[in-house]
Amino acid sequence: MSVRRPPRFTPRRDAGLYGFERALGHGGFGLVAGVDEAGRGACAGPLVVAAVILRPDRRGEIEGLADSKLLSPQRREEIYAQVVAKAVAWSAVVIPCHEIDRIGLHRCNIAGMRRAVTRLTTRPAYVLSDGFPVPGLDVPALAVIKGDQVAACVAAASVVAKVTRDRLMVELHDRFPAYGFNVHKGYVTRGHSATLAMHGPCPEHRFSFVNVARLNGAPADVAPADVERAWDAGQRAVEGGMQENESEAVGGTDEYGAALEGVTEQAGVV
């Protein structure tokens, strides 16, 4: 007597970038949102978290889609335009550097992921996040290691987050031209370190980061502790969506300049 095995929805290794979405679709999860961030490792500028739901059929596939880090700047812009045009829904949350200093990078990242998902104009049936689990969602979710390289919706979110943040860093270069934000985008490079040593940090640097704290005259091991202590005071603000620093744009617009003064959320729907 044969035993009937339950259906499996694990994507095959050779299923390609859309394998996760197809496997989840076979399991009854029609719309899958991908979530990713840009700017986590930078010592200046905002953290940007994006969420994207791609169409679950062939029409939703985007030629050339890949992890944003593997694409040239020009190609990222081209893929970004296709993503926002073809996606069922997309959103981007921009968290400014002073929130990162006040509350902590990881907590801002997780809170930003939650808000990016909840701000989607279409509710997903499932959420895939890049690397970090996202607690507090009202739908099933899975953290995928290197998700931006193996899941199309996460790759799309990585492109939206990266392009949004790069544009913001170019705007910051206009305000603080000495630092070269348009080149290194706030990440720690030899050139960025040299200008930091020469000019000291600007208001858009993350003072909780060791390299910035040292140049600001604070002991390197004090700033992270101060950030953790600030968590108690800032927990309600983050869990409530950082309302005090929030502004919002809805309808698929590409306005991002206001994010320099607070948390800007963008949402689009096709």
C-alpha atoms as a PDB file:
ATOM      1  CA  MET A   1       0.000   0.000   0.000  1.00  0.00           C
ATOM      2  CA  SER A   2       1.494   3.288  -1.065  1.00  0.00           C
ATOM      3  CA  VAL A   3       1.561   6.253   1.260  1.00  0.00           C
ATOM      4  CA  ARG A   4       0.550   9.551  -0.277  1.00  0.00           C
ATOM      5  CA  ARG A   5       3.036  12.281   0.534  1.00  0.00           C
ATOM      6  CA  PRO A   6       1.810  15.805   1.259  1.00  0.00           C
ATOM      7  CA  PRO A   7       2.527  18.335  -1.498  1.00  0.00           C
ATOM      8  CA  ARG A   8       5.865  20.144  -1.242  1.00  0.00           C
ATOM      9  CA  PHE A   9       6.309  23.756  -2.155  1.00  0.00           C
ATOM     10  CA  THR A  10      10.083  24.040  -1.815  1.00  0.00           C
ATOM     11  CA  PRO A  11      11.576  25.619  -4.950  1.00  0.00           C
ATOM     12  CA  ARG A  12      14.094  23.553  -6.882  1.00  0.00           C
ATOM     13  CA  ARG A  13      17.682  24.737  -7.054  1.00  0.00           C
ATOM     14  CA  ASP A  14      17.355  25.281 -10.791  1.00  0.00           C
ATOM     15  CA  ALA A  15      13.984  27.064 -10.538  1.00  0.00           C
ATOM     16  CA  GLY A  16      15.558  30.451 -11.204  1.00  0.00           C
ATOM     17  CA  LEU A  17      14.871  33.824  -9.616  1.00  0.00           C
ATOM     18  CA  TYR A  18      11.083  33.340  -9.692  1.00  0.00           C
ATOM     19  CA  GLY A  19      11.158  29.884  -8.072  1.00  0.00           C
ATOM     20  CA  PHE A  20      10.102  31.039  -4.598  1.00  0.00           C
ATOM     21  CA  GLU A  21       7.084  32.924  -5.916  1.00  0.00           C
ATOM     22  CA  ARG A  22       6.007  29.987  -8.091  1.00  0.00           C
ATOM     23  CA  ALA A  23       6.374  27.507  -5.223  1.00  0.00           C
ATOM     24  CA  LEU A  24       4.353  29.735  -2.899  1.00  0.00           C
ATOM     25  CA  GLY A  25       1.760  30.221  -5.623  1.00  0.00           C
ATOM     26  CA  HIS A  26       1.357  26.447  -5.872  1.00  0.00           C
ATOM     27  CA  GLY A  27       0.775  26.459  -2.132  1.00  0.00           C
ATOM     28  CA  GLY A  28      -2.064  28.951  -2.440  1.00  0.00           C
ATOM     29  CA  PHE A  29      -0.147  32.153  -1.705  1.00  0.00           C
ATOM     30  CA  GLY A  30      -0.961  34.215  -4.764  1.00  0.00           C
ATOM     31  CA  LEU A  31       0.684  37.556  -4.043  1.00  0.00           C
ATOM     32  CA  VAL A  32       4.150  37.503  -2.487  1.00  0.00           C
ATOM     33  CA  ALA A  33       5.892  40.627  -1.218  1.00  0.00           C
ATOM     34  CA  GLY A  34       9.656  40.947  -1.083  1.00  0.00           C
ATOM     35  CA  VAL A  35      11.373  43.259   1.425  1.00  0.00           C
ATOM     36  CA  ASP A  36      14.941  44.543   1.412  1.00  0.00           C
ATOM     37  CA  GLU A  37      16.994  47.499   2.583  1.00  0.00           C
ATOM     38  CA  ALA A  38      19.788  49.727   1.346  1.00  0.00           C
ATOM     39  CA  GLY A  39      22.288  51.682   3.426  1.00  0.00           C
ATOM     40  CA  ARG A  40      22.588  49.385   6.421  1.00  0.00           C
ATOM     41  CA  GLY A  41      26.402  49.449   6.317  1.00  0.00           C
ATOM     42  CA  ALA A  42      26.808  53.138   5.487  1.00  0.00           C
ATOM     43  CA  CYS A  43      28.039  55.599   8.113  1.00  0.00           C
ATOM     44  CA  ALA A  44      26.130  58.515   6.575  1.00  0.00           C
ATOM     45  CA  GLY A  45      22.717  59.089   5.093  1.00  0.00           C
ATOM     46  CA  PRO A  46      19.381  57.353   5.609  1.00  0.00           C
ATOM     47  CA  LEU A  47      18.386  53.729   5.716  1.00  0.00           C
ATOM     48  CA  VAL A  48      15.894  52.872   2.971  1.00  0.00           C
ATOM     49  CA  VAL A  49      13.592  49.840   3.165  1.00  0.00           C
ATOM     50  CA  ALA A  50      11.428  48.807   0.211  1.00  0.00           C
ATOM     51  CA  ALA A  51       8.690  46.245  -0.361  1.00  0.00           C
ATOM     52  CA  VAL A  52       7.510  45.031  -3.774  1.00  0.00           C
ATOM     53  CA  ILE A  53       4.765  42.696  -4.975  1.00  0.00           C
ATOM     54  CA  LEU A  54       5.337  41.487  -8.533  1.00  0.00           C
ATOM     55  CA  ARG A  55       2.605  40.093 -10.752  1.00  0.00           C
ATOM     56  CA  PRO A  56       2.372  36.325 -10.226  1.00  0.00           C
ATOM     57  CA  ASP A  57       2.329  35.536 -13.955  1.00  0.00           C
ATOM     58  CA  ARG A  58       4.785  35.867 -16.820  1.00  0.00           C
ATOM     59  CA  ARG A  59       3.744  39.468 -17.369  1.00  0.00           C
ATOM     60  CA  GLY A  60       5.261  40.315 -14.010  1.00  0.00           C
ATOM     61  CA  GLU A  61       8.700  38.999 -14.903  1.00  0.00           C
ATOM     62  CA  ILE A  62      11.347  41.658 -15.442  1.00  0.00           C
ATOM     63  CA  GLU A  63      14.183  40.941 -17.830  1.00  0.00           C
ATOM     64  CA  GLY A  64      17.586  41.448 -16.244  1.00  0.00           C
ATOM     65  CA  LEU A  65      16.276  41.632 -12.678  1.00  0.00           C
ATOM     66  CA  ALA A  66      18.965  40.775 -10.125  1.00  0.00           C
ATOM     67  CA  ASP A  67      20.344  41.773  -6.749  1.00  0.00           C
ATOM     68  CA  SER A  68      20.900  45.531  -6.945  1.00  0.00           C
ATOM     69  CA  LYS A  69      24.542  45.128  -5.883  1.00  0.00           C
ATOM     70  CA  LEU A  70      25.190  43.095  -9.039  1.00  0.00           C
ATOM     71  CA  LEU A  71      23.821  45.761 -11.392  1.00  0.00           C
ATOM     72  CA  SER A  72      25.495  48.859 -12.775  1.00  0.00           C
ATOM     73  CA  PRO A  73      23.959  52.215 -11.744  1.00  0.00           C
ATOM     74  CA  GLN A  74      22.469  52.693 -15.211  1.00  0.00           C
ATOM     75  CA  ARG A  75      21.029  49.196 -15.277  1.00  0.00           C
ATOM     76  CA  ARG A  76      19.569  49.672 -11.791  1.00  0.00           C
ATOM     77  CA  GLU A  77      17.729  52.770 -12.970  1.00  0.00           C
ATOM     78  CA  GLU A  78      16.324  50.846 -15.937  1.00  0.00           C
ATOM     79  CA  ILE A  79      15.199  47.942 -13.740  1.00  0.00           C
ATOM     80  CA  TYR A  80      13.742  50.393 -11.202  1.00  0.00           C
ATOM     81  CA  ALA A  81      11.566  51.957 -13.891  1.00  0.00           C
ATOM     82  CA  GLN A  82      10.276  48.528 -14.920  1.00  0.00           C
ATOM     83  CA  VAL A  83       9.608  47.471 -11.329  1.00  0.00           C
ATOM     84  CA  VAL A  84       7.498  50.502 -10.424  1.00  0.00           C
ATOM     85  CA  ALA A  85       5.640  50.236 -13.747  1.00  0.00           C
ATOM     86  CA  LYS A  86       4.882  46.507 -13.575  1.00  0.00           C
ATOM     87  CA  ALA A  87       4.550  45.827  -9.851  1.00  0.00           C
ATOM     88  CA  VAL A  88       1.174  45.106  -8.314  1.00  0.00           C
ATOM     89  CA  ALA A  89       2.284  47.385  -5.475  1.00  0.00           C
ATOM     90  CA  TRP A  90       5.501  48.857  -4.094  1.00  0.00           C
ATOM     91  CA  SER A  91       6.552  51.067  -1.213  1.00  0.00           C
ATOM     92  CA  ALA A  92       9.708  52.652   0.166  1.00  0.00           C
ATOM     93  CA  VAL A  93      10.347  53.856   3.706  1.00  0.00           C
ATOM     94  CA  VAL A  94      13.231  56.251   4.371  1.00  0.00           C
ATOM     95  CA  ILE A  95      14.599  56.358   7.912  1.00  0.00           C
ATOM     96  CA  PRO A  96      16.903  59.339   8.588  1.00  0.00           C
ATOM     97  CA  CYS A  97      20.270  59.077  10.305  1.00  0.00           C
ATOM     98  CA  HIS A  98      19.125  60.713  13.544  1.00  0.00           C
ATOM     99  CA  GLU A  99      16.530  57.964  14.029  1.00  0.00           C
ATOM    100  CA  ILE A 100      19.264  55.363  13.557  1.00  0.00           C
ATOM    101  CA  ASP A 101      21.382  57.109  16.203  1.00  0.00           C
ATOM    102  CA  ARG A 102      18.471  57.458  18.593  1.00  0.00           C
ATOM    103  CA  ILE A 103      16.997  53.995  18.370  1.00  0.00           C
ATOM    104  CA  GLY A 104      19.560  51.703  16.767  1.00  0.00           C
ATOM    105  CA  LEU A 105      20.226  50.397  13.284  1.00  0.00           C
ATOM    106  CA  HIS A 106      18.751  46.916  13.615  1.00  0.00           C
ATOM    107  CA  ARG A 107      15.548  48.086  15.283  1.00  0.00           C
ATOM    108  CA  CYS A 108      15.072  50.776  12.643  1.00  0.00           C
ATOM    109  CA  ASN A 109      15.648  48.156   9.955  1.00  0.00           C
ATOM    110  CA  ILE A 110      13.020  45.757  11.309  1.00  0.00           C
ATOM    111  CA  ALA A 111      10.510  48.543  12.008  1.00  0.00           C
ATOM    112  CA  GLY A 112      11.109  49.879   8.487  1.00  0.00           C
ATOM    113  CA  MET A 113      10.449  46.447   6.994  1.00  0.00           C
ATOM    114  CA  ARG A 114       7.147  46.215   8.841  1.00  0.00           C
ATOM    115  CA  ARG A 115       6.077  49.649   7.678  1.00  0.00           C
ATOM    116  CA  ALA A 116       7.117  48.989   4.084  1.00  0.00           C
ATOM    117  CA  VAL A 117       4.874  45.911   4.041  1.00  0.00           C
ATOM    118  CA  THR A 118       1.919  47.583   5.770  1.00  0.00           C
ATOM    119  CA  ARG A 119       2.107  50.552   3.395  1.00  0.00           C
ATOM    120  CA  LEU A 120       1.659  48.367   0.324  1.00  0.00           C
ATOM    121  CA  THR A 121      -1.636  49.299  -1.299  1.00  0.00           C
ATOM    122  CA  THR A 122      -2.349  45.609  -1.953  1.00  0.00           C
ATOM    123  CA  ARG A 123      -2.163  43.128   0.913  1.00  0.00           C
ATOM    124  CA  PRO A 124       0.266  40.275   0.219  1.00  0.00           C
ATOM    125  CA  ALA A 125      -0.502  36.659   1.086  1.00  0.00           C
ATOM    126  CA  TYR A 126       3.121  35.978   2.029  1.00  0.00           C
ATOM    127  CA  VAL A 127       6.285  38.005   2.708  1.00  0.00           C
ATOM    128  CA  LEU A 128       9.888  37.130   1.883  1.00  0.00           C
ATOM    129  CA  SER A 129      12.539  39.243   3.603  1.00  0.00           C
ATOM    130  CA  ASP A 130      16.243  39.413   2.900  1.00  0.00           C
ATOM    131  CA  GLY A 131      18.129  37.794   5.764  1.00  0.00           C
ATOM    132  CA  PHE A 132      16.223  39.161   8.759  1.00  0.00           C
ATOM    133  CA  PRO A 133      12.913  37.808  10.079  1.00  0.00           C
ATOM    134  CA  VAL A 134      10.228  40.463  10.424  1.00  0.00           C
ATOM    135  CA  PRO A 135       8.049  39.889  13.501  1.00  0.00           C
ATOM    136  CA  GLY A 136       4.666  41.550  13.911  1.00  0.00           C
ATOM    137  CA  LEU A 137       3.295  41.004  10.401  1.00  0.00           C
ATOM    138  CA  ASP A 138      -0.293  39.800   9.968  1.00  0.00           C
ATOM    139  CA  VAL A 139       0.666  37.432   7.123  1.00  0.00           C
ATOM    140  CA  PRO A 140       3.061  34.468   6.962  1.00  0.00           C
ATOM    141  CA  ALA A 141       6.672  35.439   6.339  1.00  0.00           C
ATOM    142  CA  LEU A 142      10.060  33.844   5.763  1.00  0.00           C
ATOM    143  CA  ALA A 143      13.558  35.276   6.086  1.00  0.00           C
ATOM    144  CA  VAL A 144      15.651  34.098   3.131  1.00  0.00           C
ATOM    145  CA  ILE A 145      19.442  34.089   3.246  1.00  0.00           C
ATOM    146  CA  LYS A 146      20.692  36.156   0.298  1.00  0.00           C
ATOM    147  CA  GLY A 147      17.071  36.642  -0.642  1.00  0.00           C
ATOM    148  CA  ASP A 148      17.925  39.370  -3.144  1.00  0.00           C
ATOM    149  CA  GLN A 149      19.827  36.760  -5.158  1.00  0.00           C
ATOM    150  CA  VAL A 150      17.268  33.941  -5.072  1.00  0.00           C
ATOM    151  CA  ALA A 151      13.798  35.571  -4.958  1.00  0.00           C
ATOM    152  CA  ALA A 152      12.553  37.967  -7.632  1.00  0.00           C
ATOM    153  CA  CYS A 153      10.348  40.070  -5.341  1.00  0.00           C
ATOM    154  CA  VAL A 154      13.235  40.571  -2.895  1.00  0.00           C
ATOM    155  CA  ALA A 155      15.581  41.474  -5.756  1.00  0.00           C
ATOM    156  CA  ALA A 156      12.998  44.001  -6.963  1.00  0.00           C
ATOM    157  CA  ALA A 157      12.776  45.470  -3.458  1.00  0.00           C
ATOM    158  CA  SER A 158      16.562  45.730  -3.316  1.00  0.00           C
ATOM    159  CA  VAL A 159      16.569  47.727  -6.550  1.00  0.00           C
ATOM    160  CA  VAL A 160      13.833  50.102  -5.350  1.00  0.00           C
ATOM    161  CA  ALA A 161      15.627  50.638  -2.040  1.00  0.00           C
ATOM    162  CA  LYS A 162      19.040  51.130  -3.647  1.00  0.00           C
ATOM    163  CA  VAL A 163      17.905  53.544  -6.359  1.00  0.00           C
ATOM    164  CA  THR A 164      15.823  55.566  -3.901  1.00  0.00           C
ATOM    165  CA  ARG A 165      18.745  55.846  -1.502  1.00  0.00           C
ATOM    166  CA  ASP A 166      21.305  56.649  -4.211  1.00  0.00           C
ATOM    167  CA  ARG A 167      19.145  59.532  -5.403  1.00  0.00           C
ATOM    168  CA  LEU A 168      18.881  60.844  -1.865  1.00  0.00           C
ATOM    169  CA  MET A 169      22.659  60.667  -1.462  1.00  0.00           C
ATOM    170  CA  VAL A 170      23.128  62.675  -4.651  1.00  0.00           C
ATOM    171  CA  GLU A 171      20.842  65.334  -3.158  1.00  0.00           C
ATOM    172  CA  LEU A 172      22.891  65.259   0.035  1.00  0.00           C
ATOM    173  CA  HIS A 173      26.004  65.872  -2.048  1.00  0.00           C
ATOM    174  CA  ASP A 174      24.460  69.136  -3.204  1.00  0.00           C
ATOM    175  CA  ARG A 175      24.055  70.155   0.447  1.00  0.00           C
ATOM    176  CA  PHE A 176      27.414  68.822   1.659  1.00  0.00           C
ATOM    177  CA  PRO A 177      29.697  68.728  -1.415  1.00  0.00           C
ATOM    178  CA  ALA A 178      32.937  68.244   0.547  1.00  0.00           C
ATOM    179  CA  TYR A 179      32.146  64.623   1.407  1.00  0.00           C
ATOM    180  CA  GLY A 180      31.528  63.109  -2.024  1.00  0.00           C
ATOM    181  CA  PHE A 181      28.226  61.484  -1.114  1.00  0.00           C
ATOM    182  CA  ASN A 182      27.382  61.238  -4.812  1.00  0.00           C
ATOM    183  CA  VAL A 183      30.334  58.858  -5.264  1.00  0.00           C
ATOM    184  CA  HIS A 184      30.518  56.567  -2.229  1.00  0.00           C
ATOM    185  CA  LYS A 185      26.867  57.016  -1.123  1.00  0.00           C
ATOM    186  CA  GLY A 186      27.872  57.313   2.535  1.00  0.00           C
ATOM    187  CA  TYR A 187      29.728  54.012   2.805  1.00  0.00           C
ATOM    188  CA  VAL A 188      33.137  53.794   4.445  1.00  0.00           C
ATOM    189  CA  THR A 189      35.751  54.180   1.724  1.00  0.00           C
ATOM    190  CA  ARG A 190      39.294  55.509   1.794  1.00  0.00           C
ATOM    191  CA  GLY A 191      38.145  58.790   0.254  1.00  0.00           C
ATOM    192  CA  HIS A 192      35.205  59.152   2.619  1.00  0.00           C
ATOM    193  CA  SER A 193      37.428  58.459   5.622  1.00  0.00           C
ATOM    194  CA  ALA A 194      39.892  61.087   4.446  1.00  0.00           C
ATOM    195  CA  THR A 195      37.223  63.792   4.093  1.00  0.00           C
ATOM    196  CA  LEU A 196      35.763  62.814   7.459  1.00  0.00           C
ATOM    197  CA  ALA A 197      39.178  63.271   9.070  1.00  0.00           C
ATOM    198  CA  MET A 198      39.627  66.617   7.321  1.00  0.00           C
ATOM    199  CA  HIS A 199      36.201  68.193   7.836  1.00  0.00           C
ATOM    200  CA  GLY A 200      34.681  66.201  10.668  1.00  0.00           C
ATOM    201  CA  PRO A 201      31.152  64.731  10.434  1.00  0.00           C
ATOM    202  CA  CYS A 202      28.204  66.623   9.005  1.00  0.00           C
ATOM    203  CA  PRO A 203      24.609  66.406  10.305  1.00  0.00           C
ATOM    204  CA  GLU A 204      23.885  63.524   7.922  1.00  0.00           C
ATOM    205  CA  HIS A 205      26.531  61.233   9.447  1.00  0.00           C
ATOM    206  CA  ARG A 206      25.543  58.502  11.878  1.00  0.00           C
ATOM    207  CA  PHE A 207      27.123  59.526  15.161  1.00  0.00           C
ATOM    208  CA  SER A 208      26.454  56.113  16.705  1.00  0.00           C
ATOM    209  CA  PHE A 209      28.944  54.556  14.291  1.00  0.00           C
ATOM    210  CA  VAL A 210      32.413  54.059  15.748  1.00  0.00           C
ATOM    211  CA  ASN A 211      34.371  55.831  13.009  1.00  0.00           C
ATOM    212  CA  VAL A 212      32.123  58.894  13.204  1.00  0.00           C
ATOM    213  CA  ALA A 213      31.952  58.919  17.016  1.00  0.00           C
ATOM    214  CA  ARG A 214      35.744  59.024  17.270  1.00  0.00           C
ATOM    215  CA  LEU A 215      35.986  62.016  14.960  1.00  0.00           C
ATOM    216  CA  ASN A 216      33.207  63.723  16.863  1.00  0.00           C
ATOM    217  CA  GLY A 217      35.305  63.584  20.031  1.00  0.00           C
ATOM    218  CA  ALA A 218      33.295  60.806  21.710  1.00  0.00           C
ATOM    219  CA  PRO A 219      34.906  57.548  22.877  1.00  0.00           C
ATOM    220  CA  ALA A 220      34.239  54.849  20.308  1.00  0.00           C
ATOM    221  CA  ASP A 221      32.731  52.495  22.860  1.00  0.00           C
ATOM    222  CA  VAL A 222      30.325  55.072  24.312  1.00  0.00           C
ATOM    223  CA  ALA A 223      28.168  55.875  21.300  1.00  0.00           C
ATOM    224  CA  PRO A 224      26.742  52.354  20.796  1.00  0.00           C
ATOM    225  CA  ALA A 225      25.798  52.167  24.485  1.00  0.00           C
ATOM    226  CA  ASP A 226      24.077  55.523  24.236  1.00  0.00           C
ATOM    227  CA  VAL A 227      22.071  54.250  21.286  1.00  0.00           C
ATOM    228  CA  GLU A 228      20.951  51.197  23.252  1.00  0.00           C
ATOM    229  CA  ARG A 229      19.869  53.352  26.202  1.00  0.00           C
ATOM    230  CA  ALA A 230      17.912  55.537  23.818  1.00  0.00           C
ATOM    231  CA  TRP A 231      15.898  52.471  22.834  1.00  0.00           C
ATOM    232  CA  ASP A 232      13.779  52.616  25.996  1.00  0.00           C
ATOM    233  CA  ALA A 233      12.765  56.191  25.216  1.00  0.00           C
ATOM    234  CA  GLY A 234      12.302  55.558  21.496  1.00  0.00           C
ATOM    235  CA  GLN A 235      10.631  52.134  21.512  1.00  0.00           C
ATOM    236  CA  ARG A 236       7.120  53.532  21.412  1.00  0.00           C
ATOM    237  CA  ALA A 237       8.008  55.782  18.474  1.00  0.00           C
ATOM    238  CA  VAL A 238       9.419  52.909  16.426  1.00  0.00           C
ATOM    239  CA  GLU A 239       6.706  50.387  17.272  1.00  0.00           C
ATOM    240  CA  GLY A 240       4.112  53.030  16.475  1.00  0.00           C
ATOM    241  CA  GLY A 241       5.702  53.662  13.111  1.00  0.00           C
ATOM    242  CA  MET A 242       7.916  56.644  13.941  1.00  0.00           C
ATOM    243  CA  GLN A 243       4.885  58.889  13.575  1.00  0.00           C
ATOM    244  CA  GLU A 244       6.643  61.996  14.832  1.00  0.00           C
ATOM    245  CA  ASN A 245       9.006  62.064  11.870  1.00  0.00           C
ATOM    246  CA  GLU A 246       6.634  60.839   9.199  1.00  0.00           C
ATOM    247  CA  SER A 247       5.434  62.256   5.921  1.00  0.00           C
ATOM    248  CA  GLU A 248       3.811  60.235   3.202  1.00  0.00           C
ATOM    249  CA  ALA A 249       3.329  60.192  -0.559  1.00  0.00           C
ATOM    250  CA  VAL A 250       0.927  57.719  -2.178  1.00  0.00           C
ATOM    251  CA  GLY A 251      -0.002  56.814  -5.726  1.00  0.00           C
ATOM    252  CA  GLY A 252       3.183  55.636  -7.402  1.00  0.00           C
ATOM    253  CA  THR A 253       4.958  58.967  -7.294  1.00  0.00           C
ATOM    254  CA  ASP A 254       8.724  59.227  -7.240  1.00  0.00           C
ATOM    255  CA  GLU A 255       9.113  62.142  -4.832  1.00  0.00           C
ATOM    256  CA  TYR A 256      11.996  61.598  -2.478  1.00  0.00           C
ATOM    257  CA  GLY A 257      13.462  64.968  -1.550  1.00  0.00           C
ATOM    258  CA  ALA A 258      11.273  65.402   1.542  1.00  0.00           C
ATOM    259  CA  ALA A 259      12.816  62.290   3.046  1.00  0.00           C
ATOM    260  CA  LEU A 260      15.890  64.274   4.047  1.00  0.00           C
ATOM    261  CA  GLU A 261      13.872  65.880   6.813  1.00  0.00           C
ATOM    262  CA  GLY A 262      12.097  62.786   8.105  1.00  0.00           C
ATOM    263  CA  VAL A 263      10.585  59.462   7.194  1.00  0.00           C
ATOM    264  CA  THR A 264       9.077  59.513   3.717  1.00  0.00           C
ATOM    265  CA  GLU A 265       7.003  56.624   2.458  1.00  0.00           C
ATOM    266  CA  GLN A 266       6.258  56.067  -1.202  1.00  0.00           C
ATOM    267  CA  ALA A 267       3.653  53.670  -2.508  1.00  0.00           C
ATOM    268  CA  GLY A 268       2.641  52.690  -6.001  1.00  0.00           C
ATOM    269  CA  VAL A 269       0.050  50.473  -7.611  1.00  0.00           C
ATOM    270  CA  VAL A 270      -0.624  49.353 -11.164  1.00  0.00           C
END
